[in-house]
All heavy atoms as atom14 arrays in JSON, in Angstrom:
{
  "sequence": "DPSGPDTWSLVGHPEGRTVTTAELLGWLER",
  "atom14_mask": [
    [1, 1, 1, 1, 1, 1, 1, 1, 0, 0, 0, 0, 0, 0],
    [1, 1, 1, 1, 1, 1, 1, 0, 0, 0, 0, 0, 0, 0],
    [1, 1, 1, 1, 1, 1, 0, 0, 0, 0, 0, 0, 0, 0],
    [1, 1, 1, 1, 0, 0, 0, 0, 0, 0, 0, 0, 0, 0],
    [1, 1, 1, 1, 1, 1, 1, 0, 0, 0, 0, 0, 0, 0],
    [1, 1, 1, 1, 1, 1, 1, 1, 0, 0, 0, 0, 0, 0],
    [1, 1, 1, 1, 1, 1, 1, 0, 0, 0, 0, 0, 0, 0],
    [1, 1, 1, 1, 1, 1, 1, 1, 1, 1, 1, 1, 1, 1],
    [1, 1, 1, 1, 1, 1, 0, 0, 0, 0, 0, 0, 0, 0],
    [1, 1, 1, 1, 1, 1, 1, 1, 0, 0, 0, 0, 0, 0],
    [1, 1, 1, 1, 1, 1, 1, 0, 0, 0, 0, 0, 0, 0],
    [1, 1, 1, 1, 0, 0, 0, 0, 0, 0, 0, 0, 0, 0],
    [1, 1, 1, 1, 1, 1, 1, 1, 1, 1, 0, 0, 0, 0],
    [1, 1, 1, 1, 1, 1, 1, 0, 0, 0, 0, 0, 0, 0],
    [1, 1, 1, 1, 1, 1, 1, 1, 1, 0, 0, 0, 0, 0],
    [1, 1, 1, 1, 0, 0, 0, 0, 0, 0, 0, 0, 0, 0],
    [1, 1, 1, 1, 1, 1, 1, 1, 1, 1, 1, 0, 0, 0],
    [1, 1, 1, 1, 1, 1, 1, 0, 0, 0, 0, 0, 0, 0],
    [1, 1, 1, 1, 1, 1, 1, 0, 0, 0, 0, 0, 0, 0],
    [1, 1, 1, 1, 1, 1, 1, 0, 0, 0, 0, 0, 0, 0],
    [1, 1, 1, 1, 1, 1, 1, 0, 0, 0, 0, 0, 0, 0],
    [1, 1, 1, 1, 1, 0, 0, 0, 0, 0, 0, 0, 0, 0],
    [1, 1, 1, 1, 1, 1, 1, 1, 1, 0, 0, 0, 0, 0],
    [1, 1, 1, 1, 1, 1, 1, 1, 0, 0, 0, 0, 0, 0],
    [1, 1, 1, 1, 1, 1, 1, 1, 0, 0, 0, 0, 0, 0],
    [1, 1, 1, 1, 0, 0, 0, 0, 0, 0, 0, 0, 0, 0],
    [1, 1, 1, 1, 1, 1, 1, 1, 1, 1, 1, 1, 1, 1],
    [1, 1, 1, 1, 1, 1, 1, 1, 0, 0, 0, 0, 0, 0],
    [1, 1, 1, 1, 1, 1, 1, 1, 1, 0, 0, 0, 0, 0],
    [1, 1, 1, 1, 1, 1, 1, 1, 1, 1, 1, 0, 0, 0]
  ],
  "atom14_positions": [
    [[0.92, -1.23, -0.05], [0.01, 0.01, -0.05], [0.86, 1.25, -0.02], [1.91, 1.16, 0.67], [-0.91, 0.0, 1.24], [-2.17, -0.74, 1.06], [-2.5, -1.11, -0.1], [-2.89, -0.87, 2.01], [0.0, 0.0, 0.0], [0.0, 0.0, 0.0], [0.0, 0.0, 0.0], [0.0, 0.0, 0.0], [0.0, 0.0, 0.0], [0.0, 0.0, 0.0]],
    [[0.44, 2.33, -0.7], [1.32, 3.5, -0.67], [1.27, 4.12, 0.77], [0.3, 4.23, 1.32], [0.6, 4.38, -1.68], [-0.76, 3.83, -1.81], [-0.71, 2.41, -1.57], [0.0, 0.0, 0.0], [0.0, 0.0, 0.0], [0.0, 0.0, 0.0], [0.0, 0.0, 0.0], [0.0, 0.0, 0.0], [0.0, 0.0, 0.0], [0.0, 0.0, 0.0]],
    [[2.58, 4.57, 1.05], [2.6, 5.11, 2.41], [3.33, 6.33, 2.43], [3.77, 7.03, 3.46], [3.35, 4.11, 3.41], [4.6, 3.73, 2.98], [0.0, 0.0, 0.0], [0.0, 0.0, 0.0], [0.0, 0.0, 0.0], [0.0, 0.0, 0.0], [0.0, 0.0, 0.0], [0.0, 0.0, 0.0], [0.0, 0.0, 0.0], [0.0, 0.0, 0.0]],
    [[3.74, 6.91, 1.3], [4.42, 8.25, 1.06], [4.97, 8.2, -0.39], [4.84, 7.26, -1.14], [0.0, 0.0, 0.0], [0.0, 0.0, 0.0], [0.0, 0.0, 0.0], [0.0, 0.0, 0.0], [0.0, 0.0, 0.0], [0.0, 0.0, 0.0], [0.0, 0.0, 0.0], [0.0, 0.0, 0.0], [0.0, 0.0, 0.0], [0.0, 0.0, 0.0]],
    [[5.62, 9.38, -0.63], [6.33, 9.42, -2.03], [7.21, 8.26, -2.36], [8.23, 8.06, -1.56], [6.95, 10.75, -2.07], [6.32, 11.49, -0.94], [5.96, 10.46, 0.08], [0.0, 0.0, 0.0], [0.0, 0.0, 0.0], [0.0, 0.0, 0.0], [0.0, 0.0, 0.0], [0.0, 0.0, 0.0], [0.0, 0.0, 0.0], [0.0, 0.0, 0.0]],
    [[6.89, 7.46, -3.26], [7.74, 6.26, -3.66], [8.1, 5.38, -2.52], [9.13, 4.77, -2.53], [9.05, 6.76, -4.35], [8.84, 7.46, -5.64], [7.98, 6.91, -6.4], [9.54, 8.49, -5.99], [0.0, 0.0, 0.0], [0.0, 0.0, 0.0], [0.0, 0.0, 0.0], [0.0, 0.0, 0.0], [0.0, 0.0, 0.0], [0.0, 0.0, 0.0]],
    [[7.06, 5.2, -1.64], [7.37, 4.36, -0.48], [5.98, 3.54, -0.25], [4.93, 4.03, -0.4], [7.56, 5.17, 0.87], [8.78, 5.93, 0.64], [7.9, 4.25, 1.95], [0.0, 0.0, 0.0], [0.0, 0.0, 0.0], [0.0, 0.0, 0.0], [0.0, 0.0, 0.0], [0.0, 0.0, 0.0], [0.0, 0.0, 0.0], [0.0, 0.0, 0.0]],
    [[6.26, 2.16, 0.07], [5.24, 1.31, 0.27], [5.2, 0.58, 1.55], [6.34, 0.18, 1.98], [5.18, 0.19, -0.94], [5.38, 0.88, -2.34], [6.57, 1.15, -2.93], [4.41, 1.26, -3.16], [6.36, 1.74, -4.16], [5.0, 1.87, -4.33], [2.99, 1.28, -3.12], [4.33, 2.36, -5.42], [2.27, 1.74, -4.23], [2.94, 2.34, -5.34]],
    [[4.14, 0.41, 2.17], [4.05, -0.43, 3.41], [3.62, -1.74, 2.98], [2.83, -2.09, 2.04], [3.01, 0.23, 4.33], [1.74, 0.25, 3.89], [0.0, 0.0, 0.0], [0.0, 0.0, 0.0], [0.0, 0.0, 0.0], [0.0, 0.0, 0.0], [0.0, 0.0, 0.0], [0.0, 0.0, 0.0], [0.0, 0.0, 0.0], [0.0, 0.0, 0.0]],
    [[4.18, -2.86, 3.62], [3.94, -4.17, 3.33], [2.68, -4.59, 4.31], [2.94, -4.72, 5.55], [5.06, -5.13, 3.62], [6.35, -4.74, 2.78], [7.47, -5.68, 3.04], [5.95, -4.75, 1.25], [0.0, 0.0, 0.0], [0.0, 0.0, 0.0], [0.0, 0.0, 0.0], [0.0, 0.0, 0.0], [0.0, 0.0, 0.0], [0.0, 0.0, 0.0]],
    [[1.56, -4.75, 3.7], [0.34, -4.97, 4.46], [0.27, -6.3, 5.31], [0.56, -7.31, 4.68], [-0.91, -5.0, 3.53], [-2.16, -5.15, 4.28], [-0.97, -3.72, 2.77], [0.0, 0.0, 0.0], [0.0, 0.0, 0.0], [0.0, 0.0, 0.0], [0.0, 0.0, 0.0], [0.0, 0.0, 0.0], [0.0, 0.0, 0.0], [0.0, 0.0, 0.0]],
    [[0.27, -6.2, 6.56], [0.15, -7.3, 7.43], [1.58, -7.71, 7.87], [1.69, -8.7, 8.67], [0.0, 0.0, 0.0], [0.0, 0.0, 0.0], [0.0, 0.0, 0.0], [0.0, 0.0, 0.0], [0.0, 0.0, 0.0], [0.0, 0.0, 0.0], [0.0, 0.0, 0.0], [0.0, 0.0, 0.0], [0.0, 0.0, 0.0], [0.0, 0.0, 0.0]],
    [[2.66, -7.01, 7.5], [4.02, -7.43, 8.01], [4.03, -7.13, 9.5], [3.73, -6.2, 9.95], [5.1, -6.56, 7.24], [6.43, -7.14, 7.52], [7.2, -6.97, 8.6], [7.23, -7.79, 6.59], [8.3, -7.39, 8.51], [8.42, -8.11, 7.28], [0.0, 0.0, 0.0], [0.0, 0.0, 0.0], [0.0, 0.0, 0.0], [0.0, 0.0, 0.0]],
    [[4.6, -8.15, 10.27], [4.55, -8.0, 11.76], [5.39, -6.84, 12.2], [5.12, -6.37, 13.35], [5.08, -9.35, 12.23], [5.93, -9.99, 11.04], [5.2, -9.52, 9.83], [0.0, 0.0, 0.0], [0.0, 0.0, 0.0], [0.0, 0.0, 0.0], [0.0, 0.0, 0.0], [0.0, 0.0, 0.0], [0.0, 0.0, 0.0], [0.0, 0.0, 0.0]],
    [[6.28, -6.44, 11.56], [7.23, -5.25, 11.92], [6.76, -3.98, 11.31], [7.59, -2.97, 11.35], [8.67, -5.62, 11.7], [9.15, -6.84, 12.47], [10.51, -7.34, 12.01], [11.13, -6.48, 11.16], [11.11, -8.25, 12.46], [0.0, 0.0, 0.0], [0.0, 0.0, 0.0], [0.0, 0.0, 0.0], [0.0, 0.0, 0.0], [0.0, 0.0, 0.0]],
    [[5.69, -4.06, 10.58], [5.32, -2.77, 9.84], [6.31, -2.31, 8.78], [6.44, -1.01, 8.63], [0.0, 0.0, 0.0], [0.0, 0.0, 0.0], [0.0, 0.0, 0.0], [0.0, 0.0, 0.0], [0.0, 0.0, 0.0], [0.0, 0.0, 0.0], [0.0, 0.0, 0.0], [0.0, 0.0, 0.0], [0.0, 0.0, 0.0], [0.0, 0.0, 0.0]],
    [[6.86, -3.22, 8.12], [7.96, -2.86, 7.26], [7.45, -2.05, 6.02], [6.45, -2.3, 5.61], [8.61, -4.2, 6.77], [9.9, -3.93, 5.88], [10.64, -5.32, 5.72], [11.71, -5.2, 4.83], [12.59, -6.27, 4.5], [12.39, -7.44, 5.16], [13.51, -6.08, 3.58], [0.0, 0.0, 0.0], [0.0, 0.0, 0.0], [0.0, 0.0, 0.0]],
    [[8.41, -1.24, 5.56], [8.11, -0.46, 4.34], [9.31, -0.71, 3.38], [10.31, -1.15, 3.59], [8.02, 1.01, 4.52], [9.32, 1.47, 5.13], [6.89, 1.39, 5.63], [0.0, 0.0, 0.0], [0.0, 0.0, 0.0], [0.0, 0.0, 0.0], [0.0, 0.0, 0.0], [0.0, 0.0, 0.0], [0.0, 0.0, 0.0], [0.0, 0.0, 0.0]],
    [[9.04, -0.33, 2.04], [10.01, -0.55, 1.03], [9.81, 0.57, 0.01], [8.78, 1.01, -0.25], [9.84, -1.98, 0.37], [8.62, -2.07, -0.29], [11.01, -2.24, -0.5], [0.0, 0.0, 0.0], [0.0, 0.0, 0.0], [0.0, 0.0, 0.0], [0.0, 0.0, 0.0], [0.0, 0.0, 0.0], [0.0, 0.0, 0.0], [0.0, 0.0, 0.0]],
    [[10.96, 1.06, -0.54], [10.86, 2.05, -1.52], [10.69, 1.56, -2.93], [11.05, 0.41, -3.16], [12.02, 2.98, -1.6], [13.2, 2.22, -2.02], [12.36, 3.54, -0.07], [0.0, 0.0, 0.0], [0.0, 0.0, 0.0], [0.0, 0.0, 0.0], [0.0, 0.0, 0.0], [0.0, 0.0, 0.0], [0.0, 0.0, 0.0], [0.0, 0.0, 0.0]],
    [[10.22, 2.4, -3.86], [10.07, 2.01, -5.23], [11.48, 1.5, -5.9], [11.54, 0.52, -6.53], [9.5, 2.99, -6.11], [8.22, 3.48, -5.67], [9.4, 2.72, -7.53], [0.0, 0.0, 0.0], [0.0, 0.0, 0.0], [0.0, 0.0, 0.0], [0.0, 0.0, 0.0], [0.0, 0.0, 0.0], [0.0, 0.0, 0.0], [0.0, 0.0, 0.0]],
    [[12.44, 2.25, -5.47], [13.76, 1.95, -5.95], [14.16, 0.56, -5.5], [14.84, -0.29, -6.25], [14.8, 3.04, -5.59], [0.0, 0.0, 0.0], [0.0, 0.0, 0.0], [0.0, 0.0, 0.0], [0.0, 0.0, 0.0], [0.0, 0.0, 0.0], [0.0, 0.0, 0.0], [0.0, 0.0, 0.0], [0.0, 0.0, 0.0], [0.0, 0.0, 0.0]],
    [[13.92, 0.31, -4.2], [14.3, -1.02, -3.63], [13.49, -2.18, -4.37], [14.06, -3.2, -4.69], [13.99, -1.22, -2.17], [14.96, -0.26, -1.28], [14.58, -0.23, 0.12], [13.33, -0.2, 0.35], [15.43, -0.17, 0.91], [0.0, 0.0, 0.0], [0.0, 0.0, 0.0], [0.0, 0.0, 0.0], [0.0, 0.0, 0.0], [0.0, 0.0, 0.0]],
    [[12.2, -1.96, -4.65], [11.4, -3.0, -5.51], [11.97, -3.27, -6.79], [12.2, -4.33, -7.18], [9.96, -2.49, -5.44], [9.17, -2.45, -4.15], [7.8, -1.89, -4.45], [8.99, -3.85, -3.66], [0.0, 0.0, 0.0], [0.0, 0.0, 0.0], [0.0, 0.0, 0.0], [0.0, 0.0, 0.0], [0.0, 0.0, 0.0], [0.0, 0.0, 0.0]],
    [[12.29, -2.11, -7.55], [12.8, -2.29, -8.84], [14.19, -3.01, -8.89], [14.46, -3.74, -9.72], [12.92, -0.89, -9.51], [11.65, -0.14, -9.72], [11.82, 1.14, -10.41], [10.65, -1.0, -10.54], [0.0, 0.0, 0.0], [0.0, 0.0, 0.0], [0.0, 0.0, 0.0], [0.0, 0.0, 0.0], [0.0, 0.0, 0.0], [0.0, 0.0, 0.0]],
    [[14.85, -2.69, -7.73], [16.21, -3.35, -7.58], [16.0, -4.9, -7.46], [16.77, -5.74, -7.99], [0.0, 0.0, 0.0], [0.0, 0.0, 0.0], [0.0, 0.0, 0.0], [0.0, 0.0, 0.0], [0.0, 0.0, 0.0], [0.0, 0.0, 0.0], [0.0, 0.0, 0.0], [0.0, 0.0, 0.0], [0.0, 0.0, 0.0], [0.0, 0.0, 0.0]],
    [[15.1, -5.21, -6.61], [14.86, -6.69, -6.37], [14.27, -7.36, -7.74], [14.55, -8.52, -8.06], [13.81, -6.92, -5.28], [14.49, -6.87, -3.95], [14.18, -5.87, -2.98], [15.49, -7.6, -3.44], [14.98, -6.08, -1.85], [15.76, -7.16, -2.07], [16.19, -8.84, -3.93], [16.72, -7.71, -1.31], [17.1, -9.33, -3.11], [17.47, -8.89, -1.81]],
    [[13.49, -6.58, -8.52], [12.99, -7.17, -9.8], [14.12, -7.52, -10.7], [14.05, -8.35, -11.47], [12.14, -6.1, -10.53], [10.51, -6.21, -10.29], [9.86, -5.12, -10.83], [10.01, -7.63, -10.73], [0.0, 0.0, 0.0], [0.0, 0.0, 0.0], [0.0, 0.0, 0.0], [0.0, 0.0, 0.0], [0.0, 0.0, 0.0], [0.0, 0.0, 0.0]],
    [[15.2, -6.76, -10.67], [16.36, -6.97, -11.49], [17.14, -8.21, -10.94], [17.56, -9.0, -11.69], [17.32, -5.69, -11.53], [16.65, -4.55, -12.27], [16.66, -4.87, -13.83], [17.46, -5.73, -14.41], [15.73, -4.31, -14.52], [0.0, 0.0, 0.0], [0.0, 0.0, 0.0], [0.0, 0.0, 0.0], [0.0, 0.0, 0.0], [0.0, 0.0, 0.0]],
    [[17.38, -8.12, -9.68], [18.17, -9.16, -9.06], [17.5, -10.44, -8.76], [18.12, -11.6, -8.97], [18.84, -8.72, -7.76], [19.71, -7.46, -7.9], [20.38, -7.15, -6.5], [19.53, -6.94, -5.4], [18.91, -5.8, -5.15], [19.18, -4.7, -5.94], [18.08, -5.62, -4.11], [0.0, 0.0, 0.0], [0.0, 0.0, 0.0], [0.0, 0.0, 0.0]]
  ]
}
């Protein structure tokens, strides 16, 4: 879910983890 500019919250994550768009695109490559 969007949680800020280019930032996403992982819904239901026990630690309330977030990830950026850049991080997601990096994982898509790797």
